[in-house]
C-alpha cells in the first residue's frame, strides 16, 4: 500500500490499528504487523500515517454506560489501550483518528453506544496521546445523524470545549444526506 501511495504522490495513509492491542491493553498482539508497518514508513519517510485508535474488543469501552459499575475500570483499560498504541506504534507519529464511526456502534444488548462514553473516549484519548506526543493532531469523525454531533459537542463543552480535545473534525455527512451540515456551527 505504501508503494502505491508513494507512486501516486499522496502523503498520508490512514492506518487502522484497532485490533493490535492484547486483552490486557499492554502489548501488541501482532508485533510483526507493526514491525512491517514501521519498516514501510522508514522506507517512505514522506508518507505520514493517520492512526485510528478504535477498540473493537469484547471489553471495549463502547459496551458501557457511565452508570455501569465496571465503567471506571473500562475507562482505565481504554486509556492503557490508547497509551499502548501511542507508545508502541505512534512515537513521532503526528496524526490520530479517535474511534472511527462510533455512532454506528452497538452494545451487546443491541442499544446504541452512549454519546457520553464517546465524549469520555475522546477526552481520554486526546490527553493520553498528547502526553506521548504533544505535537499530535487529533481527528474525530462526526455525523449529524439524529442530532448526534450536537450532543457530543455539548458533552465536550462541559469539559473545556471541543478544541481542547480535537484539532480536526472529519465530517461523515453520508450518514445524513438530508441534513444541511455546516461545520462552522460547531465552532461556537
C-alpha atoms as a PDB file:
ATOM      1  CA  UNK A   1       0.000   0.000   0.000  1.00  0.00           C
ATOM      2  CA  UNK A   2       2.791   2.445   0.850  1.00  0.00           C
ATOM      3  CA  UNK A   3       4.468   1.819  -2.508  1.00  0.00           C
ATOM      4  CA  UNK A   4       1.232   2.706  -4.329  1.00  0.00           C
ATOM      5  CA  UNK A   5       0.638   5.783  -2.161  1.00  0.00           C
ATOM      6  CA  UNK A   6       4.196   6.892  -2.900  1.00  0.00           C
ATOM      7  CA  UNK A   7       3.796   6.298  -6.669  1.00  0.00           C
ATOM      8  CA  UNK A   8       0.575   8.300  -6.738  1.00  0.00           C
ATOM      9  CA  UNK A   9       2.195  11.163  -4.845  1.00  0.00           C
ATOM     10  CA  UNK A  10      -0.002  11.034  -1.752  1.00  0.00           C
ATOM     11  CA  UNK A  11       1.429  11.945   1.629  1.00  0.00           C
ATOM     12  CA  UNK A  12      -0.764  10.145   4.192  1.00  0.00           C
ATOM     13  CA  UNK A  13      -2.038   6.632   4.913  1.00  0.00           C
ATOM     14  CA  UNK A  14      -4.953   6.107   7.289  1.00  0.00           C
ATOM     15  CA  UNK A  15      -3.925   3.068   9.343  1.00  0.00           C
ATOM     16  CA  UNK A  16      -6.465   1.121  11.389  1.00  0.00           C
ATOM     17  CA  UNK A  17      -4.607  -0.069  14.473  1.00  0.00           C
ATOM     18  CA  UNK A  18      -7.751  -1.229  16.242  1.00  0.00           C
ATOM     19  CA  UNK A  19      -7.063  -4.926  16.635  1.00  0.00           C
ATOM     20  CA  UNK A  20      -3.403  -4.996  17.534  1.00  0.00           C
ATOM     21  CA  UNK A  21      -3.502  -4.497  21.320  1.00  0.00           C
ATOM     22  CA  UNK A  22      -3.782  -7.525  23.610  1.00  0.00           C
ATOM     23  CA  UNK A  23      -6.617  -8.223  26.065  1.00  0.00           C
ATOM     24  CA  UNK A  24      -4.641  -6.648  28.928  1.00  0.00           C
ATOM     25  CA  UNK A  25      -4.207  -3.467  26.866  1.00  0.00           C
ATOM     26  CA  UNK A  26      -0.461  -3.576  27.465  1.00  0.00           C
ATOM     27  CA  UNK A  27       1.214  -5.166  24.458  1.00  0.00           C
ATOM     28  CA  UNK A  28       0.770  -5.557  20.758  1.00  0.00           C
ATOM     29  CA  UNK A  29      -0.787  -8.817  19.578  1.00  0.00           C
ATOM     30  CA  UNK A  30       0.949  -8.843  16.231  1.00  0.00           C
ATOM     31  CA  UNK A  31       4.404  -7.297  16.594  1.00  0.00           C
ATOM     32  CA  UNK A  32       5.310  -8.495  13.077  1.00  0.00           C
ATOM     33  CA  UNK A  33       2.497  -6.434  11.568  1.00  0.00           C
ATOM     34  CA  UNK A  34       3.739  -3.367  13.469  1.00  0.00           C
ATOM     35  CA  UNK A  35       7.356  -4.064  12.511  1.00  0.00           C
ATOM     36  CA  UNK A  36       6.354  -4.311   8.839  1.00  0.00           C
ATOM     37  CA  UNK A  37       4.372  -1.071   9.107  1.00  0.00           C
ATOM     38  CA  UNK A  38       7.258   0.752  10.788  1.00  0.00           C
ATOM     39  CA  UNK A  39       9.722  -0.524   8.184  1.00  0.00           C
ATOM     40  CA  UNK A  40       7.394   0.724   5.464  1.00  0.00           C
ATOM     41  CA  UNK A  41       7.280   4.179   6.989  1.00  0.00           C
ATOM     42  CA  UNK A  42      11.084   4.153   7.254  1.00  0.00           C
ATOM     43  CA  UNK A  43      11.282   3.246   3.550  1.00  0.00           C
ATOM     44  CA  UNK A  44       8.837   6.056   2.640  1.00  0.00           C
ATOM     45  CA  UNK A  45       9.553   8.816   5.182  1.00  0.00           C
ATOM     46  CA  UNK A  46       7.433  11.367   3.302  1.00  0.00           C
ATOM     47  CA  UNK A  47       4.282   9.325   3.908  1.00  0.00           C
ATOM     48  CA  UNK A  48       2.645  10.221   7.191  1.00  0.00           C
ATOM     49  CA  UNK A  49       0.380   7.736   8.995  1.00  0.00           C
ATOM     50  CA  UNK A  50      -3.006   8.669  10.404  1.00  0.00           C
ATOM     51  CA  UNK A  51      -3.506   6.103  13.181  1.00  0.00           C
ATOM     52  CA  UNK A  52      -7.095   5.065  14.001  1.00  0.00           C
ATOM     53  CA  UNK A  53      -7.446   4.224  17.699  1.00  0.00           C
ATOM     54  CA  UNK A  54     -10.713   2.227  17.590  1.00  0.00           C
ATOM     55  CA  UNK A  55     -11.125  -0.506  20.214  1.00  0.00           C
ATOM     56  CA  UNK A  56     -13.487  -3.212  18.936  1.00  0.00           C
ATOM     57  CA  UNK A  57     -12.696  -5.885  21.535  1.00  0.00           C
ATOM     58  CA  UNK A  58     -15.368  -7.643  23.617  1.00  0.00           C
ATOM     59  CA  UNK A  59     -14.464  -5.414  26.584  1.00  0.00           C
ATOM     60  CA  UNK A  60     -14.439  -2.228  24.510  1.00  0.00           C
ATOM     61  CA  UNK A  61     -15.430   0.982  26.242  1.00  0.00           C
ATOM     62  CA  UNK A  62     -18.307   1.367  23.763  1.00  0.00           C
ATOM     63  CA  UNK A  63     -20.049  -1.510  25.554  1.00  0.00           C
ATOM     64  CA  UNK A  64     -20.543   0.514  28.759  1.00  0.00           C
ATOM     65  CA  UNK A  65     -22.585   3.373  30.169  1.00  0.00           C
ATOM     66  CA  UNK A  66     -21.198   5.814  32.706  1.00  0.00           C
ATOM     67  CA  UNK A  67     -23.564   4.327  35.291  1.00  0.00           C
ATOM     68  CA  UNK A  68     -22.210   0.770  34.910  1.00  0.00           C
ATOM     69  CA  UNK A  69     -20.191  -0.281  37.976  1.00  0.00           C
ATOM     70  CA  UNK A  70     -17.464  -1.631  35.669  1.00  0.00           C
ATOM     71  CA  UNK A  71     -17.185   1.636  33.743  1.00  0.00           C
ATOM     72  CA  UNK A  72     -14.336   3.263  35.732  1.00  0.00           C
ATOM     73  CA  UNK A  73     -12.161   0.189  35.096  1.00  0.00           C
ATOM     74  CA  UNK A  74     -13.224   0.067  31.438  1.00  0.00           C
ATOM     75  CA  UNK A  75     -12.166   3.711  31.046  1.00  0.00           C
ATOM     76  CA  UNK A  76      -8.780   2.968  32.656  1.00  0.00           C
ATOM     77  CA  UNK A  77      -8.331  -0.016  30.326  1.00  0.00           C
ATOM     78  CA  UNK A  78      -9.183   2.217  27.381  1.00  0.00           C
ATOM     79  CA  UNK A  79      -6.522   4.726  28.450  1.00  0.00           C
ATOM     80  CA  UNK A  80      -3.998   1.870  28.650  1.00  0.00           C
ATOM     81  CA  UNK A  81      -5.080   0.742  25.182  1.00  0.00           C
ATOM     82  CA  UNK A  82      -4.559   4.200  23.663  1.00  0.00           C
ATOM     83  CA  UNK A  83      -1.241   4.645  25.506  1.00  0.00           C
ATOM     84  CA  UNK A  84      -0.021   1.303  24.127  1.00  0.00           C
ATOM     85  CA  UNK A  85      -0.927   2.391  20.591  1.00  0.00           C
ATOM     86  CA  UNK A  86       0.704   5.791  21.018  1.00  0.00           C
ATOM     87  CA  UNK A  87       3.876   4.419  22.601  1.00  0.00           C
ATOM     88  CA  UNK A  88       4.374   1.298  20.506  1.00  0.00           C
ATOM     89  CA  UNK A  89       3.087   2.434  17.107  1.00  0.00           C
ATOM     90  CA  UNK A  90       2.940   6.165  17.337  1.00  0.00           C
ATOM     91  CA  UNK A  91       6.189   7.650  18.673  1.00  0.00           C
ATOM     92  CA  UNK A  92       6.857  10.586  16.430  1.00  0.00           C
ATOM     93  CA  UNK A  93       3.616   9.989  14.540  1.00  0.00           C
ATOM     94  CA  UNK A  94       1.559  13.128  14.305  1.00  0.00           C
ATOM     95  CA  UNK A  95      -1.992  12.207  13.285  1.00  0.00           C
ATOM     96  CA  UNK A  96      -4.528  10.169  15.263  1.00  0.00           C
ATOM     97  CA  UNK A  97      -8.189   9.477  14.475  1.00  0.00           C
ATOM     98  CA  UNK A  98     -10.153   8.642  17.619  1.00  0.00           C
ATOM     99  CA  UNK A  99     -12.690   5.826  17.320  1.00  0.00           C
ATOM    100  CA  UNK A 100     -13.906   5.643  13.733  1.00  0.00           C
ATOM    101  CA  UNK A 101     -17.710   5.937  13.358  1.00  0.00           C
ATOM    102  CA  UNK A 102     -18.687   5.484  16.994  1.00  0.00           C
ATOM    103  CA  UNK A 103     -22.268   6.449  16.101  1.00  0.00           C
ATOM    104  CA  UNK A 104     -22.640   3.078  14.371  1.00  0.00           C
ATOM    105  CA  UNK A 105     -21.577   1.064  17.424  1.00  0.00           C
ATOM    106  CA  UNK A 106     -23.971  -1.087  19.360  1.00  0.00           C
ATOM    107  CA  UNK A 107     -23.729  -2.604  22.816  1.00  0.00           C
ATOM    108  CA  UNK A 108     -24.107  -6.359  23.219  1.00  0.00           C
ATOM    109  CA  UNK A 109     -27.817  -5.802  24.059  1.00  0.00           C
ATOM    110  CA  UNK A 110     -28.365  -4.006  20.725  1.00  0.00           C
ATOM    111  CA  UNK A 111     -28.645  -0.477  22.152  1.00  0.00           C
ATOM    112  CA  UNK A 112     -26.602   2.312  20.591  1.00  0.00           C
ATOM    113  CA  UNK A 113     -23.334   3.079  22.372  1.00  0.00           C
ATOM    114  CA  UNK A 114     -23.557   6.072  24.700  1.00  0.00           C
ATOM    115  CA  UNK A 115     -22.621   9.524  23.455  1.00  0.00           C
ATOM    116  CA  UNK A 116     -21.298  10.448  26.916  1.00  0.00           C
ATOM    117  CA  UNK A 117     -18.924   7.490  26.810  1.00  0.00           C
ATOM    118  CA  UNK A 118     -17.747   8.577  23.352  1.00  0.00           C
ATOM    119  CA  UNK A 119     -17.000  12.027  24.781  1.00  0.00           C
ATOM    120  CA  UNK A 120     -15.014  10.323  27.562  1.00  0.00           C
ATOM    121  CA  UNK A 121     -13.130   8.303  24.934  1.00  0.00           C
ATOM    122  CA  UNK A 122     -12.284  11.494  23.037  1.00  0.00           C
ATOM    123  CA  UNK A 123     -11.064  13.268  26.157  1.00  0.00           C
ATOM    124  CA  UNK A 124      -9.082  10.276  27.439  1.00  0.00           C
ATOM    125  CA  UNK A 125      -7.518   9.562  24.036  1.00  0.00           C
ATOM    126  CA  UNK A 126      -6.585  13.166  23.434  1.00  0.00           C
ATOM    127  CA  UNK A 127      -4.991  13.533  26.876  1.00  0.00           C
ATOM    128  CA  UNK A 128      -3.010  10.285  26.604  1.00  0.00           C
ATOM    129  CA  UNK A 129      -1.853  10.838  23.022  1.00  0.00           C
ATOM    130  CA  UNK A 130      -0.698  14.358  23.814  1.00  0.00           C
ATOM    131  CA  UNK A 131       1.239  13.088  26.831  1.00  0.00           C
ATOM    132  CA  UNK A 132       3.149  10.797  24.473  1.00  0.00           C
ATOM    133  CA  UNK A 133       3.299  13.285  21.587  1.00  0.00           C
ATOM    134  CA  UNK A 134       2.491  16.916  22.485  1.00  0.00           C
ATOM    135  CA  UNK A 135       2.512  17.853  18.778  1.00  0.00           C
ATOM    136  CA  UNK A 136      -0.130  15.286  17.844  1.00  0.00           C
ATOM    137  CA  UNK A 137      -3.085  16.303  15.713  1.00  0.00           C
ATOM    138  CA  UNK A 138      -6.289  14.675  16.933  1.00  0.00           C
ATOM    139  CA  UNK A 139      -9.101  13.976  14.476  1.00  0.00           C
ATOM    140  CA  UNK A 140     -12.599  12.738  15.267  1.00  0.00           C
ATOM    141  CA  UNK A 141     -15.324  11.816  12.820  1.00  0.00           C
ATOM    142  CA  UNK A 142     -18.801  13.151  13.341  1.00  0.00           C
ATOM    143  CA  UNK A 143     -22.226  12.801  11.794  1.00  0.00           C
ATOM    144  CA  UNK A 144     -25.409  14.742  12.168  1.00  0.00           C
ATOM    145  CA  UNK A 145     -27.426  11.571  12.481  1.00  0.00           C
ATOM    146  CA  UNK A 146     -30.311  12.394  14.834  1.00  0.00           C
ATOM    147  CA  UNK A 147     -28.506  15.381  16.383  1.00  0.00           C
ATOM    148  CA  UNK A 148     -25.668  13.105  17.424  1.00  0.00           C
ATOM    149  CA  UNK A 149     -22.885  15.620  16.817  1.00  0.00           C
ATOM    150  CA  UNK A 150     -24.650  18.345  18.778  1.00  0.00           C
ATOM    151  CA  UNK A 151     -24.812  16.003  21.764  1.00  0.00           C
ATOM    152  CA  UNK A 152     -21.101  15.120  21.537  1.00  0.00           C
ATOM    153  CA  UNK A 153     -20.140  18.800  21.243  1.00  0.00           C
ATOM    154  CA  UNK A 154     -22.410  19.660  24.179  1.00  0.00           C
ATOM    155  CA  UNK A 155     -20.723  16.989  26.299  1.00  0.00           C
ATOM    156  CA  UNK A 156     -17.199  18.151  25.364  1.00  0.00           C
ATOM    157  CA  UNK A 157     -18.144  21.757  26.083  1.00  0.00           C
ATOM    158  CA  UNK A 158     -18.863  20.717  29.685  1.00  0.00           C
ATOM    159  CA  UNK A 159     -15.171  19.776  29.961  1.00  0.00           C
ATOM    160  CA  UNK A 160     -13.307  22.679  28.405  1.00  0.00           C
ATOM    161  CA  UNK A 161     -14.594  22.749  24.850  1.00  0.00           C
ATOM    162  CA  UNK A 162     -14.239  20.858  21.616  1.00  0.00           C
ATOM    163  CA  UNK A 163     -10.966  22.479  20.578  1.00  0.00           C
ATOM    164  CA  UNK A 164      -9.297  21.392  23.823  1.00  0.00           C
ATOM    165  CA  UNK A 165      -9.519  17.780  22.623  1.00  0.00           C
ATOM    166  CA  UNK A 166      -9.999  17.846  18.840  1.00  0.00           C
ATOM    167  CA  UNK A 167      -7.960  19.547  16.133  1.00  0.00           C
ATOM    168  CA  UNK A 168      -9.769  18.241  13.039  1.00  0.00           C
ATOM    169  CA  UNK A 169     -13.377  17.149  12.556  1.00  0.00           C
ATOM    170  CA  UNK A 170     -13.942  14.508   9.875  1.00  0.00           C
ATOM    171  CA  UNK A 171     -17.496  15.049   8.746  1.00  0.00           C
ATOM    172  CA  UNK A 172     -19.184  11.845   7.605  1.00  0.00           C
ATOM    173  CA  UNK A 173     -22.190  13.586   6.107  1.00  0.00           C
ATOM    174  CA  UNK A 174     -23.199  10.482   4.149  1.00  0.00           C
ATOM    175  CA  UNK A 175     -24.864   9.397   7.392  1.00  0.00           C
ATOM    176  CA  UNK A 176     -27.472  12.144   6.935  1.00  0.00           C
ATOM    177  CA  UNK A 177     -27.776  13.258   3.325  1.00  0.00           C
ATOM    178  CA  UNK A 178     -30.993  15.131   4.009  1.00  0.00           C
ATOM    179  CA  UNK A 179     -29.424  17.362   6.690  1.00  0.00           C
ATOM    180  CA  UNK A 180     -27.713  20.649   5.858  1.00  0.00           C
ATOM    181  CA  UNK A 181     -24.408  20.251   7.653  1.00  0.00           C
ATOM    182  CA  UNK A 182     -22.289  23.329   8.245  1.00  0.00           C
ATOM    183  CA  UNK A 183     -19.073  22.680  10.200  1.00  0.00           C
ATOM    184  CA  UNK A 184     -18.884  26.288  11.379  1.00  0.00           C
ATOM    185  CA  UNK A 185     -21.899  25.787  13.636  1.00  0.00           C
ATOM    186  CA  UNK A 186     -19.731  23.618  15.925  1.00  0.00           C
ATOM    187  CA  UNK A 187     -17.004  26.208  16.488  1.00  0.00           C
ATOM    188  CA  UNK A 188     -19.008  28.320  18.933  1.00  0.00           C
END
